[in-house]
C-alpha atoms as a PDB file:
ATOM      1  CA  MET A   1      14.357-141.027 154.659  1.00  0.00           C
ATOM      2  CA  VAL A   2      14.390-138.259 152.031  1.00  0.00           C
ATOM      3  CA  ARG A   3      14.004-134.762 153.382  1.00  0.00           C
ATOM      4  CA  VAL A   4      11.601-132.591 151.359  1.00  0.00           C
ATOM      5  CA  ASN A   5      12.913-129.047 151.130  1.00  0.00           C
ATOM      6  CA  ALA A   6      12.420-126.183 148.714  1.00  0.00           C
ATOM      7  CA  PRO A   7      14.971-127.325 146.053  1.00  0.00           C
ATOM      8  CA  THR A   8      13.572-130.867 146.145  1.00  0.00           C
ATOM      9  CA  THR A   9      10.005-129.614 145.737  1.00  0.00           C
ATOM     10  CA  LEU A  10      11.040-127.350 142.878  1.00  0.00           C
ATOM     11  CA  ALA A  11      12.900-130.208 141.193  1.00  0.00           C
ATOM     12  CA  ILE A  12       9.843-132.470 141.467  1.00  0.00           C
ATOM     13  CA  ALA A  13       7.576-129.773 139.999  1.00  0.00           C
ATOM     14  CA  VAL A  14       9.975-129.053 137.126  1.00  0.00           C
ATOM     15  CA  GLY A  15      10.367-132.761 136.422  1.00  0.00           C
ATOM     16  CA  ALA A  16       6.601-133.258 136.346  1.00  0.00           C
ATOM     17  CA  LEU A  17       6.174-130.337 133.955  1.00  0.00           C
ATOM     18  CA  LEU A  18       8.970-131.658 131.742  1.00  0.00           C
ATOM     19  CA  GLY A  19       7.418-135.131 131.624  1.00  0.00           C
ATOM     20  CA  LEU A  20       3.999-133.692 130.828  1.00  0.00           C
ATOM     21  CA  GLY A  21       5.459-131.543 128.056  1.00  0.00           C
ATOM     22  CA  LEU A  22       7.288-134.498 126.507  1.00  0.00           C
ATOM     23  CA  TRP A  23       4.085-136.540 126.683  1.00  0.00           C
ATOM     24  CA  LEU A  24       2.190-133.828 124.860  1.00  0.00           C
ATOM     25  CA  LEU A  25       4.892-133.570 122.198  1.00  0.00           C
ATOM     26  CA  VAL A  26       4.927-137.323 121.605  1.00  0.00           C
ATOM     27  CA  ALA A  27       1.125-137.450 121.439  1.00  0.00           C
ATOM     28  CA  ALA A  28       1.032-134.575 118.928  1.00  0.00           C
ATOM     29  CA  THR A  29       3.764-136.022 116.684  1.00  0.00           C
ATOM     30  CA  PRO A  30       2.257-137.305 113.419  1.00  0.00           C
ATOM     31  CA  ARG A  31       2.962-140.856 112.449  1.00  0.00           C
ATOM     32  CA  ILE A  32       5.492-141.294 109.666  1.00  0.00           C
ATOM     33  CA  GLY A  33       4.714-143.834 106.960  1.00  0.00           C
ATOM     34  CA  ARG A  34       1.762-145.023 104.898  1.00  0.00           C
ATOM     35  CA  PRO A  35      -1.368-146.243 106.672  1.00  0.00           C
ATOM     36  CA  ARG A  36      -1.848-149.961 106.884  1.00  0.00           C
ATOM     37  CA  LEU A  37      -4.248-151.870 104.641  1.00  0.00           C
ATOM     38  CA  MET A  38      -6.698-152.410 107.497  1.00  0.00           C
ATOM     39  CA  GLU A  39      -6.810-148.685 108.226  1.00  0.00           C
ATOM     40  CA  ARG A  40      -7.509-147.914 104.562  1.00  0.00           C
ATOM     41  CA  VAL A  41     -10.253-150.505 104.253  1.00  0.00           C
ATOM     42  CA  ALA A  42     -11.904-149.862 107.641  1.00  0.00           C
ATOM     43  CA  PRO A  43     -13.994-146.786 106.587  1.00  0.00           C
ATOM     44  CA  SER A  44     -15.566-148.798 103.764  1.00  0.00           C
ATOM     45  CA  ILE A  45     -16.677-151.740 105.928  1.00  0.00           C
ATOM     46  CA  ALA A  46     -17.346-149.931 109.201  1.00  0.00           C
ATOM     47  CA  ASP A  47     -21.101-150.493 108.889  1.00  0.00           C
ATOM     48  CA  ILE A  48     -20.745-154.294 108.833  1.00  0.00           C
ATOM     49  CA  SER A  49     -17.586-154.928 110.877  1.00  0.00           C
ATOM     50  CA  GLU A  50     -17.164-154.273 114.583  1.00  0.00           C
ATOM     51  CA  ALA A  51     -13.378-154.622 114.332  1.00  0.00           C
ATOM     52  CA  ALA A  52     -13.273-151.984 111.601  1.00  0.00           C
ATOM     53  CA  ARG A  53     -15.227-149.560 113.775  1.00  0.00           C
ATOM     54  CA  GLU A  54     -12.892-150.188 116.704  1.00  0.00           C
ATOM     55  CA  SER A  55      -9.811-149.596 114.536  1.00  0.00           C
ATOM     56  CA  MET A  56     -11.279-146.322 113.280  1.00  0.00           C
ATOM     57  CA  PHE A  57     -11.977-144.999 116.771  1.00  0.00           C
ATOM     58  CA  GLN A  58      -8.847-146.078 118.585  1.00  0.00           C
ATOM     59  CA  ARG A  59      -8.171-144.036 121.675  1.00  0.00           C
ATOM     60  CA  ARG A  60      -4.876-142.251 121.818  1.00  0.00           C
ATOM     61  CA  SER A  61      -2.875-141.725 124.961  1.00  0.00           C
ATOM     62  CA  ASP A  62      -3.176-137.965 124.889  1.00  0.00           C
ATOM     63  CA  PRO A  63      -3.222-135.976 128.166  1.00  0.00           C
ATOM     64  CA  ALA A  64      -4.506-132.767 126.565  1.00  0.00           C
ATOM     65  CA  PRO A  65      -8.260-133.522 126.837  1.00  0.00           C
ATOM     66  CA  VAL A  66      -7.917-134.572 130.474  1.00  0.00           C
ATOM     67  CA  ILE A  67      -5.889-131.471 131.323  1.00  0.00           C
ATOM     68  CA  GLY A  68      -8.422-129.338 129.468  1.00  0.00           C
ATOM     69  CA  LEU A  69     -11.323-130.768 131.458  1.00  0.00           C
ATOM     70  CA  LEU A  70      -9.478-130.190 134.718  1.00  0.00           C
ATOM     71  CA  VAL A  71      -8.253-126.679 133.954  1.00  0.00           C
ATOM     72  CA  LEU A  72     -11.245-125.316 131.998  1.00  0.00           C
ATOM     73  CA  PRO A  73     -13.459-124.474 135.048  1.00  0.00           C
ATOM     74  CA  ALA A  74     -10.615-122.592 136.719  1.00  0.00           C
ATOM     75  CA  VAL A  75      -9.836-120.726 133.485  1.00  0.00           C
ATOM     76  CA  ARG A  76     -13.467-119.708 133.083  1.00  0.00           C
ATOM     77  CA  ARG A  77     -13.611-118.473 136.652  1.00  0.00           C
ATOM     78  CA  LEU A  78     -10.411-116.466 136.214  1.00  0.00           C
ATOM     79  CA  ARG A  79     -11.842-114.943 133.021  1.00  0.00           C
ATOM     80  CA  GLU A  80     -14.927-113.837 134.943  1.00  0.00           C
ATOM     81  CA  VAL A  81     -12.763-112.312 137.665  1.00  0.00           C
ATOM     82  CA  LEU A  82     -10.680-110.431 135.095  1.00  0.00           C
ATOM     83  CA  GLY A  83     -13.851-109.197 133.417  1.00  0.00           C
ATOM     84  CA  GLN A  84     -15.226-107.897 136.715  1.00  0.00           C
ATOM     85  CA  VAL A  85     -11.983-106.180 137.740  1.00  0.00           C
ATOM     86  CA  LEU A  86     -10.670-104.798 134.431  1.00  0.00           C
ATOM     87  CA  GLY A  87     -13.908-104.098 132.559  1.00  0.00           C
ATOM     88  CA  GLY A  88     -16.762-106.126 131.133  1.00  0.00           C
ATOM     89  CA  ASP A  89     -16.901-108.014 127.871  1.00  0.00           C
ATOM     90  CA  ALA A  90     -18.738-105.139 126.180  1.00  0.00           C
ATOM     91  CA  THR A  91     -15.843-102.776 126.910  1.00  0.00           C
ATOM     92  CA  ILE A  92     -13.272-105.256 125.631  1.00  0.00           C
ATOM     93  CA  ALA A  93     -15.346-105.960 122.509  1.00  0.00           C
ATOM     94  CA  ARG A  94     -15.540-102.238 121.767  1.00  0.00           C
ATOM     95  CA  ARG A  95     -11.798-101.787 122.248  1.00  0.00           C
ATOM     96  CA  LEU A  96     -11.052-104.759 120.004  1.00  0.00           C
ATOM     97  CA  ARG A  97     -13.326-103.289 117.349  1.00  0.00           C
ATOM     98  CA  GLN A  98     -11.693 -99.887 117.690  1.00  0.00           C
ATOM     99  CA  ALA A  99      -8.241-101.461 117.399  1.00  0.00           C
ATOM    100  CA  ARG A 100      -9.413-103.417 114.318  1.00  0.00           C
ATOM    101  CA  SER A 101      -8.481-106.717 115.886  1.00  0.00           C
ATOM    102  CA  SER A 102     -10.029-109.979 114.711  1.00  0.00           C
ATOM    103  CA  THR A 103      -9.501-111.578 118.128  1.00  0.00           C
ATOM    104  CA  SER A 104     -12.635-112.591 120.002  1.00  0.00           C
ATOM    105  CA  VAL A 105     -13.294-111.533 123.578  1.00  0.00           C
ATOM    106  CA  ASP A 106     -12.791-115.062 124.915  1.00  0.00           C
ATOM    107  CA  ARG A 107      -9.493-115.467 123.099  1.00  0.00           C
ATOM    108  CA  TRP A 108      -8.322-112.064 124.303  1.00  0.00           C
ATOM    109  CA  ARG A 109      -9.230-112.992 127.883  1.00  0.00           C
ATOM    110  CA  SER A 110      -7.253-116.217 127.477  1.00  0.00           C
ATOM    111  CA  GLU A 111      -4.230-114.276 126.206  1.00  0.00           C
ATOM    112  CA  GLN A 112      -4.577-111.847 129.109  1.00  0.00           C
ATOM    113  CA  LEU A 113      -4.713-114.779 131.507  1.00  0.00           C
ATOM    114  CA  ALA A 114      -1.620-116.260 129.857  1.00  0.00           C
ATOM    115  CA  ALA A 115       0.201-112.929 130.271  1.00  0.00           C
ATOM    116  CA  ALA A 116      -0.754-112.899 133.944  1.00  0.00           C
ATOM    117  CA  GLY A 117       0.517-116.484 134.267  1.00  0.00           C
ATOM    118  CA  VAL A 118       3.849-115.590 132.684  1.00  0.00           C
ATOM    119  CA  ALA A 119       4.188-112.601 135.009  1.00  0.00           C
ATOM    120  CA  PHE A 120       3.322-114.846 137.965  1.00  0.00           C
ATOM    121  CA  ALA A 121       6.025-117.333 136.917  1.00  0.00           C
ATOM    122  CA  VAL A 122       8.603-114.545 136.575  1.00  0.00           C
ATOM    123  CA  GLY A 123       7.650-113.122 139.969  1.00  0.00           C
ATOM    124  CA  SER A 124       7.864-116.572 141.538  1.00  0.00           C
ATOM    125  CA  ALA A 125      11.308-117.151 140.035  1.00  0.00           C
ATOM    126  CA  LEU A 126      12.514-113.808 141.358  1.00  0.00           C
ATOM    127  CA  ALA A 127      11.074-114.482 144.806  1.00  0.00           C
ATOM    128  CA  VAL A 128      12.767-117.911 144.968  1.00  0.00           C
ATOM    129  CA  PHE A 129      16.113-117.385 143.240  1.00  0.00           C
ATOM    130  CA  ALA A 130      16.929-113.645 143.439  1.00  0.00           C
ATOM    131  CA  PRO A 131      19.409-113.007 146.282  1.00  0.00           C
ATOM    132  CA  SER A 132      17.980-109.567 146.980  1.00  0.00           C
ATOM    133  CA  PHE A 133      14.578-111.108 147.821  1.00  0.00           C
ATOM    134  CA  HIS A 134      15.957-113.518 150.418  1.00  0.00           C
ATOM    135  CA  ALA A 135      16.254-110.756 153.021  1.00  0.00           C
ATOM    136  CA  LEU A 136      12.608-109.797 152.664  1.00  0.00           C
ATOM    137  CA  PRO A 137       9.918-111.223 154.948  1.00  0.00           C
ATOM    138  CA  THR A 138       8.134-114.365 153.838  1.00  0.00           C
ATOM    139  CA  VAL A 139       4.815-112.541 153.449  1.00  0.00           C
ATOM    140  CA  VAL A 140       6.364-110.052 151.059  1.00  0.00           C
ATOM    141  CA  ARG A 141       8.003-112.832 149.044  1.00  0.00           C
ATOM    142  CA  PHE A 142       4.652-114.573 148.676  1.00  0.00           C
ATOM    143  CA  THR A 143       3.041-111.287 147.617  1.00  0.00           C
ATOM    144  CA  VAL A 144       5.516-110.601 144.800  1.00  0.00           C
ATOM    145  CA  PRO A 145       4.123-113.237 142.353  1.00  0.00           C
ATOM    146  CA  VAL A 146       0.550-112.090 142.962  1.00  0.00           C
ATOM    147  CA  LEU A 147       1.487-108.460 142.315  1.00  0.00           C
ATOM    148  CA  ALA A 148       3.419-109.496 139.191  1.00  0.00           C
ATOM    149  CA  ALA A 149       0.371-111.376 137.865  1.00  0.00           C
ATOM    150  CA  ALA A 150      -1.893-108.374 138.521  1.00  0.00           C
ATOM    151  CA  LEU A 151       0.561-106.040 136.780  1.00  0.00           C
ATOM    152  CA  GLY A 152       0.799-108.429 133.815  1.00  0.00           C
ATOM    153  CA  ALA A 153      -2.990-108.499 133.377  1.00  0.00           C
ATOM    154  CA  MET A 154      -3.244-104.708 133.751  1.00  0.00           C
ATOM    155  CA  ALA A 155      -0.401-104.148 131.287  1.00  0.00           C
ATOM    156  CA  PHE A 156      -2.135-106.363 128.727  1.00  0.00           C
ATOM    157  CA  ASP A 157      -5.366-104.383 129.171  1.00  0.00           C
ATOM    158  CA  TRP A 158      -3.476-101.080 128.946  1.00  0.00           C
ATOM    159  CA  TRP A 159      -1.789-102.219 125.726  1.00  0.00           C
ATOM    160  CA  LEU A 160      -5.175-102.888 124.074  1.00  0.00           C
ATOM    161  CA  GLN A 161      -6.562 -99.572 125.316  1.00  0.00           C
ATOM    162  CA  ARG A 162      -3.522 -97.727 124.009  1.00  0.00           C
ATOM    163  CA  LYS A 163      -3.790 -99.459 120.625  1.00  0.00           C
ATOM    164  CA  ALA A 164      -7.463 -98.513 120.342  1.00  0.00           C
ATOM    165  CA  GLN A 165      -6.756 -94.889 121.314  1.00  0.00           C
ATOM    166  CA  ARG A 166      -4.038 -94.563 118.675  1.00  0.00           C
ATOM    167  CA  ARG A 167      -6.328 -95.871 115.956  1.00  0.00           C
ATOM    168  CA  MET A 168      -9.121 -93.552 117.098  1.00  0.00           C
ATOM    169  CA  ALA A 169      -6.667 -90.644 116.913  1.00  0.00           C
ATOM    170  CA  ARG A 170      -5.790 -91.579 113.318  1.00  0.00           C
ATOM    171  CA  ILE A 171      -9.497 -91.747 112.448  1.00  0.00           C
ATOM    172  CA  SER A 172      -9.987 -88.301 113.999  1.00  0.00           C
ATOM    173  CA  ALA A 173      -7.199 -86.920 111.818  1.00  0.00           C
ATOM    174  CA  GLU A 174      -8.636 -88.522 108.663  1.00  0.00           C
ATOM    175  CA  LEU A 175     -12.296 -87.664 109.288  1.00  0.00           C
ATOM    176  CA  PRO A 176     -12.383 -84.058 107.928  1.00  0.00           C
ATOM    177  CA  THR A 177     -10.653 -85.053 104.691  1.00  0.00           C
ATOM    178  CA  VAL A 178     -12.893 -88.076 104.165  1.00  0.00           C
ATOM    179  CA  LEU A 179     -16.064 -86.052 104.788  1.00  0.00           C
ATOM    180  CA  GLU A 180     -14.914 -83.374 102.354  1.00  0.00           C
ATOM    181  CA  PHE A 181     -14.166 -86.052  99.762  1.00  0.00           C
ATOM    182  CA  LEU A 182     -17.660 -87.490 100.242  1.00  0.00           C
ATOM    183  CA  THR A 183     -19.117 -83.988  99.859  1.00  0.00           C
ATOM    184  CA  LEU A 184     -17.248 -83.466  96.571  1.00  0.00           C
ATOM    185  CA  SER A 185     -18.449 -86.819  95.251  1.00  0.00           C
ATOM    186  CA  LEU A 186     -22.056 -86.064  96.175  1.00  0.00           C
ATOM    187  CA  THR A 187     -21.821 -82.585  94.654  1.00  0.00           C
ATOM    188  CA  ALA A 188     -20.545 -84.167  91.433  1.00  0.00           C
ATOM    189  CA  GLY A 189     -23.751 -86.169  91.173  1.00  0.00           C
ATOM    190  CA  GLU A 190     -22.851 -89.533  92.707  1.00  0.00           C
ATOM    191  CA  GLY A 191     -24.974 -91.329  95.261  1.00  0.00           C
ATOM    192  CA  ILE A 192     -23.894 -91.898  98.829  1.00  0.00           C
ATOM    193  CA  LEU A 193     -23.004 -95.562  98.187  1.00  0.00           C
ATOM    194  CA  GLU A 194     -20.922 -94.702  95.114  1.00  0.00           C
ATOM    195  CA  ALA A 195     -19.193 -91.955  97.114  1.00  0.00           C
ATOM    196  CA  ILE A 196     -18.366 -94.419  99.904  1.00  0.00           C
ATOM    197  CA  ARG A 197     -16.960 -96.878  97.386  1.00  0.00           C
ATOM    198  CA  ARG A 198     -14.863 -94.142  95.806  1.00  0.00           C
ATOM    199  CA  VAL A 199     -13.431 -93.204  99.210  1.00  0.00           C
ATOM    200  CA  ALA A 200     -12.674 -96.871  99.877  1.00  0.00           C
ATOM    201  CA  ARG A 201     -10.856 -97.197  96.552  1.00  0.00           C
ATOM    202  CA  ALA A 202      -8.948 -93.909  96.679  1.00  0.00           C
ATOM    203  CA  GLY A 203      -8.102 -93.815 100.397  1.00  0.00           C
ATOM    204  CA  SER A 204      -5.462 -95.773 102.256  1.00  0.00           C
ATOM    205  CA  GLY A 205      -6.146 -94.853 105.884  1.00  0.00           C
ATOM    206  CA  GLU A 206      -8.115 -96.380 108.706  1.00  0.00           C
ATOM    207  CA  LEU A 207     -11.396 -94.643 107.883  1.00  0.00           C
ATOM    208  CA  ALA A 208     -11.145 -95.654 104.232  1.00  0.00           C
ATOM    209  CA  ALA A 209     -10.742 -99.268 105.361  1.00  0.00           C
ATOM    210  CA  GLU A 210     -13.869 -98.950 107.501  1.00  0.00           C
ATOM    211  CA  PHE A 211     -15.837 -97.582 104.557  1.00  0.00           C
ATOM    212  CA  ALA A 212     -14.509-100.440 102.448  1.00  0.00           C
ATOM    213  CA  GLN A 213     -16.073-102.850 104.926  1.00  0.00           C
ATOM    214  CA  VAL A 214     -19.350-100.920 104.671  1.00  0.00           C
ATOM    215  CA  ALA A 215     -19.280-101.181 100.868  1.00  0.00           C
ATOM    216  CA  ALA A 216     -18.490-104.902 101.074  1.00  0.00           C
ATOM    217  CA  ALA A 217     -21.376-105.452 103.478  1.00  0.00           C
ATOM    218  CA  VAL A 218     -23.787-103.603 101.174  1.00  0.00           C
ATOM    219  CA  SER A 219     -22.569-105.711  98.249  1.00  0.00           C
ATOM    220  CA  THR A 220     -23.553-108.852 100.166  1.00  0.00           C
ATOM    221  CA  GLY A 221     -27.132-107.609 100.651  1.00  0.00           C
ATOM    222  CA  VAL A 222     -26.948-105.642 103.905  1.00  0.00           C
ATOM    223  CA  PRO A 223     -28.933-102.359 103.769  1.00  0.00           C
ATOM    224  CA  LEU A 224     -26.792 -99.242 103.707  1.00  0.00           C
ATOM    225  CA  ALA A 225     -28.456 -97.816 106.819  1.00  0.00           C
ATOM    226  CA  THR A 226     -27.753-101.029 108.733  1.00  0.00           C
ATOM    227  CA  ALA A 227     -24.088-101.086 107.661  1.00  0.00           C
ATOM    228  CA  LEU A 228     -23.611 -97.443 108.674  1.00  0.00           C
ATOM    229  CA  THR A 229     -25.332 -98.091 112.011  1.00  0.00           C
ATOM    230  CA  GLU A 230     -23.004-101.017 112.710  1.00  0.00           C
ATOM    231  CA  LEU A 231     -20.018 -98.822 111.862  1.00  0.00           C
ATOM    232  CA  ARG A 232     -21.262 -96.087 114.205  1.00  0.00           C
ATOM    233  CA  ASP A 233     -21.974 -98.440 117.101  1.00  0.00           C
ATOM    234  CA  GLY A 234     -18.800-100.485 116.601  1.00  0.00           C
ATOM    235  CA  LEU A 235     -16.297 -97.633 116.581  1.00  0.00           C
ATOM    236  CA  ALA A 236     -18.158 -95.352 119.029  1.00  0.00           C
ATOM    237  CA  HIS A 237     -16.148 -92.389 117.741  1.00  0.00           C
ATOM    238  CA  PRO A 238     -17.927 -89.177 118.839  1.00  0.00           C
ATOM    239  CA  ALA A 239     -17.323 -87.072 115.716  1.00  0.00           C
ATOM    240  CA  LEU A 240     -17.901 -89.958 113.317  1.00  0.00           C
ATOM    241  CA  SER A 241     -21.048 -90.964 115.211  1.00  0.00           C
ATOM    242  CA  ARG A 242     -22.457 -87.445 114.863  1.00  0.00           C
ATOM    243  CA  ALA A 243     -21.706 -87.414 111.142  1.00  0.00           C
ATOM    244  CA  LEU A 244     -23.274 -90.828 110.588  1.00  0.00           C
ATOM    245  CA  ASP A 245     -26.334 -89.843 112.625  1.00  0.00           C
ATOM    246  CA  GLN A 246     -26.807 -86.857 110.341  1.00  0.00           C
ATOM    247  CA  VAL A 247     -26.347 -89.043 107.260  1.00  0.00           C
ATOM    248  CA  LEU A 248     -28.850 -91.623 108.507  1.00  0.00           C
ATOM    249  CA  GLY A 249     -31.354 -88.897 109.347  1.00  0.00           C
ATOM    250  CA  ALA A 250     -30.925 -87.349 105.915  1.00  0.00           C
ATOM    251  CA  LEU A 251     -31.427 -90.743 104.268  1.00  0.00           C
ATOM    252  CA  GLU A 252     -34.672 -91.256 106.193  1.00  0.00           C
ATOM    253  CA  ARG A 253     -36.054 -87.782 105.469  1.00  0.00           C
ATOM    254  CA  GLY A 254     -34.710 -87.491 101.937  1.00  0.00           C
ATOM    255  CA  ALA A 255     -32.684 -84.363 102.751  1.00  0.00           C
ATOM    256  CA  PRO A 256     -29.688 -83.342 100.577  1.00  0.00           C
ATOM    257  CA  LEU A 257     -26.616 -85.159 101.838  1.00  0.00           C
ATOM    258  CA  ALA A 258     -24.037 -82.773 100.370  1.00  0.00           C
ATOM    259  CA  ALA A 259     -25.020 -79.909 102.678  1.00  0.00           C
ATOM    260  CA  VAL A 260     -25.155 -82.220 105.691  1.00  0.00           C
ATOM    261  CA  LEU A 261     -21.705 -83.676 105.037  1.00  0.00           C
ATOM    262  CA  SER A 262     -20.254 -80.226 104.301  1.00  0.00           C
ATOM    263  CA  ALA A 263     -21.421 -78.969 107.696  1.00  0.00           C
ATOM    264  CA  GLN A 264     -20.091 -82.082 109.415  1.00  0.00           C
ATOM    265  CA  ALA A 265     -16.733 -81.694 107.639  1.00  0.00           C
ATOM    266  CA  GLY A 266     -16.478 -78.118 108.934  1.00  0.00           C
ATOM    267  CA  ASP A 267     -17.299 -79.217 112.467  1.00  0.00           C
ATOM    268  CA  ALA A 268     -14.729 -82.032 112.263  1.00  0.00           C
ATOM    269  CA  ARG A 269     -12.094 -79.583 111.005  1.00  0.00           C
ATOM    270  CA  GLU A 270     -12.760 -77.186 113.881  1.00  0.00           C
ATOM    271  CA  GLU A 271     -12.645 -80.012 116.407  1.00  0.00           C
ATOM    272  CA  SER A 272      -9.339 -81.177 114.924  1.00  0.00           C
ATOM    273  CA  LYS A 273      -7.939 -77.658 115.363  1.00  0.00           C
ATOM    274  CA  ARG A 274      -9.071 -77.561 118.993  1.00  0.00           C
ATOM    275  CA  THR A 275      -7.476 -80.956 119.610  1.00  0.00           C
ATOM    276  CA  ILE A 276      -4.172 -79.784 118.127  1.00  0.00           C
ATOM    277  CA  ILE A 277      -4.208 -76.624 120.273  1.00  0.00           C
ATOM    278  CA  GLU A 278      -4.930 -78.641 123.435  1.00  0.00           C
ATOM    279  CA  LEU A 279      -2.177 -81.125 122.569  1.00  0.00           C
ATOM    280  CA  ALA A 280       0.263 -78.263 121.977  1.00  0.00           C
ATOM    281  CA  GLY A 281      -0.601 -76.819 125.398  1.00  0.00           C
ATOM    282  CA  ARG A 282       0.043 -80.165 127.112  1.00  0.00           C
ATOM    283  CA  LYS A 283       3.314 -80.624 125.240  1.00  0.00           C
ATOM    284  CA  GLU A 284       4.389 -77.118 126.222  1.00  0.00           C
ATOM    285  CA  ILE A 285       3.909 -77.984 129.890  1.00  0.00           C
ATOM    286  CA  ALA A 286       5.708 -81.301 129.418  1.00  0.00           C
ATOM    287  CA  MET A 287       8.688 -79.467 127.873  1.00  0.00           C
ATOM    288  CA  LEU A 288       9.184 -77.593 131.151  1.00  0.00           C
ATOM    289  CA  VAL A 289      10.145 -80.825 132.926  1.00  0.00           C
ATOM    290  CA  PRO A 290      13.533 -81.371 131.184  1.00  0.00           C
ATOM    291  CA  LEU A 291      14.095 -77.605 131.110  1.00  0.00           C
ATOM    292  CA  ILE A 292      13.692 -77.182 134.881  1.00  0.00           C
ATOM    293  CA  PHE A 293      15.136 -80.446 136.124  1.00  0.00           C
ATOM    294  CA  LEU A 294      17.937 -81.047 133.574  1.00  0.00           C
ATOM    295  CA  ILE A 295      19.002 -77.995 131.589  1.00  0.00           C
ATOM    296  CA  LEU A 296      18.597 -75.328 134.276  1.00  0.00           C
ATOM    297  CA  PRO A 297      20.568 -77.174 137.005  1.00  0.00           C
ATOM    298  CA  VAL A 298      23.427 -77.861 134.568  1.00  0.00           C
ATOM    299  CA  THR A 299      23.469 -74.215 133.488  1.00  0.00           C
ATOM    300  CA  VAL A 300      23.545 -73.029 137.096  1.00  0.00           C
ATOM    301  CA  ALA A 301      26.315 -75.492 137.926  1.00  0.00           C
ATOM    302  CA  PHE A 302      28.465 -74.309 135.002  1.00  0.00           C
ATOM    303  CA  ALA A 303      27.878 -70.678 136.005  1.00  0.00           C
ATOM    304  CA  LEU A 304      28.587 -71.043 139.721  1.00  0.00           C
ATOM    305  CA  PHE A 305      31.219 -73.763 139.885  1.00  0.00           C
ATOM    306  CA  PRO A 306      34.171 -71.657 138.541  1.00  0.00           C
ATOM    307  CA  GLY A 307      33.375 -68.887 141.032  1.00  0.00           C
ATOM    308  CA  TYR A 308      33.175 -71.436 143.840  1.00  0.00           C
ATOM    309  CA  LEU A 309      36.640 -72.792 142.913  1.00  0.00           C
ATOM    310  CA  VAL A 310      38.088 -69.250 142.838  1.00  0.00           C
ATOM    311  CA  LEU A 311      36.596 -68.411 146.239  1.00  0.00           C
ATOM    312  CA  LYS A 312      37.848 -71.694 147.689  1.00  0.00           C
ATOM    313  CA  ALA A 313      41.371 -71.122 146.301  1.00  0.00           C
ATOM    314  CA  GLY A 314      41.487 -67.503 147.577  1.00  0.00           C
ATOM    315  CA  PHE A 315      40.513 -68.346 151.129  1.00  0.00           C
END
């Protein structure tokens, strides 16, 4: 009688996964060689021949559809749980738009779930094979993979949030210059659409790329007000939203856009200055950490250690 212990169970699981992977690889391997005469003729006579229809719709021994049907409900449920814990789909969609990512929300949730699965596998391997974990209680060892999976999902969400924040910071830095450029173009006699196209052609930053998308949308027949509204709602950048609100209001009322954009450019410049001053204040406080905990102790040690040696040698 074969005793079932932990190594035997692990070997069975690894063997099953290996067999399933090889099956998937064999099923996905394309057939080498020319198709047979029957396979070439079958599409032409499928309406009059039952055998031709059967040869066209031969079933392949592929486990992927079966695995997909079995796993899909669990994956959907895990996506819902991740959405409830780490933010809804609207938040993720906004962050993806701010990060200028073409990934859909469902695909991003799947990637986040895959990252959590990889972290769970790593935590399980550490809990089973790491010698330092063997002395821990069984409850703690079972908790390690779950904590690893949670950290993996949170790290994936943090990475997207960080990417969106960095792009928003670049847009904040570019906004005053872009608004001033638009003001100069309008003052020179161009319309707002021509000014946006000029910014898209001349600029190379993130905001210029966004205005290039607006110009492309208008070229396909989308109204300018609708394209600017989608840009405002998609990025949800406070300063840019205020500027676009003023532009949309001026377009509706027929007010001069040059004065509106000039005022918005001044406000954006002042806000950029305030942001730089606040960042400098935070960096100044952060610089005290290495000064107090690294440089000052070393300086004190170099100043006091020779005297300590002299006192110790004298007495």
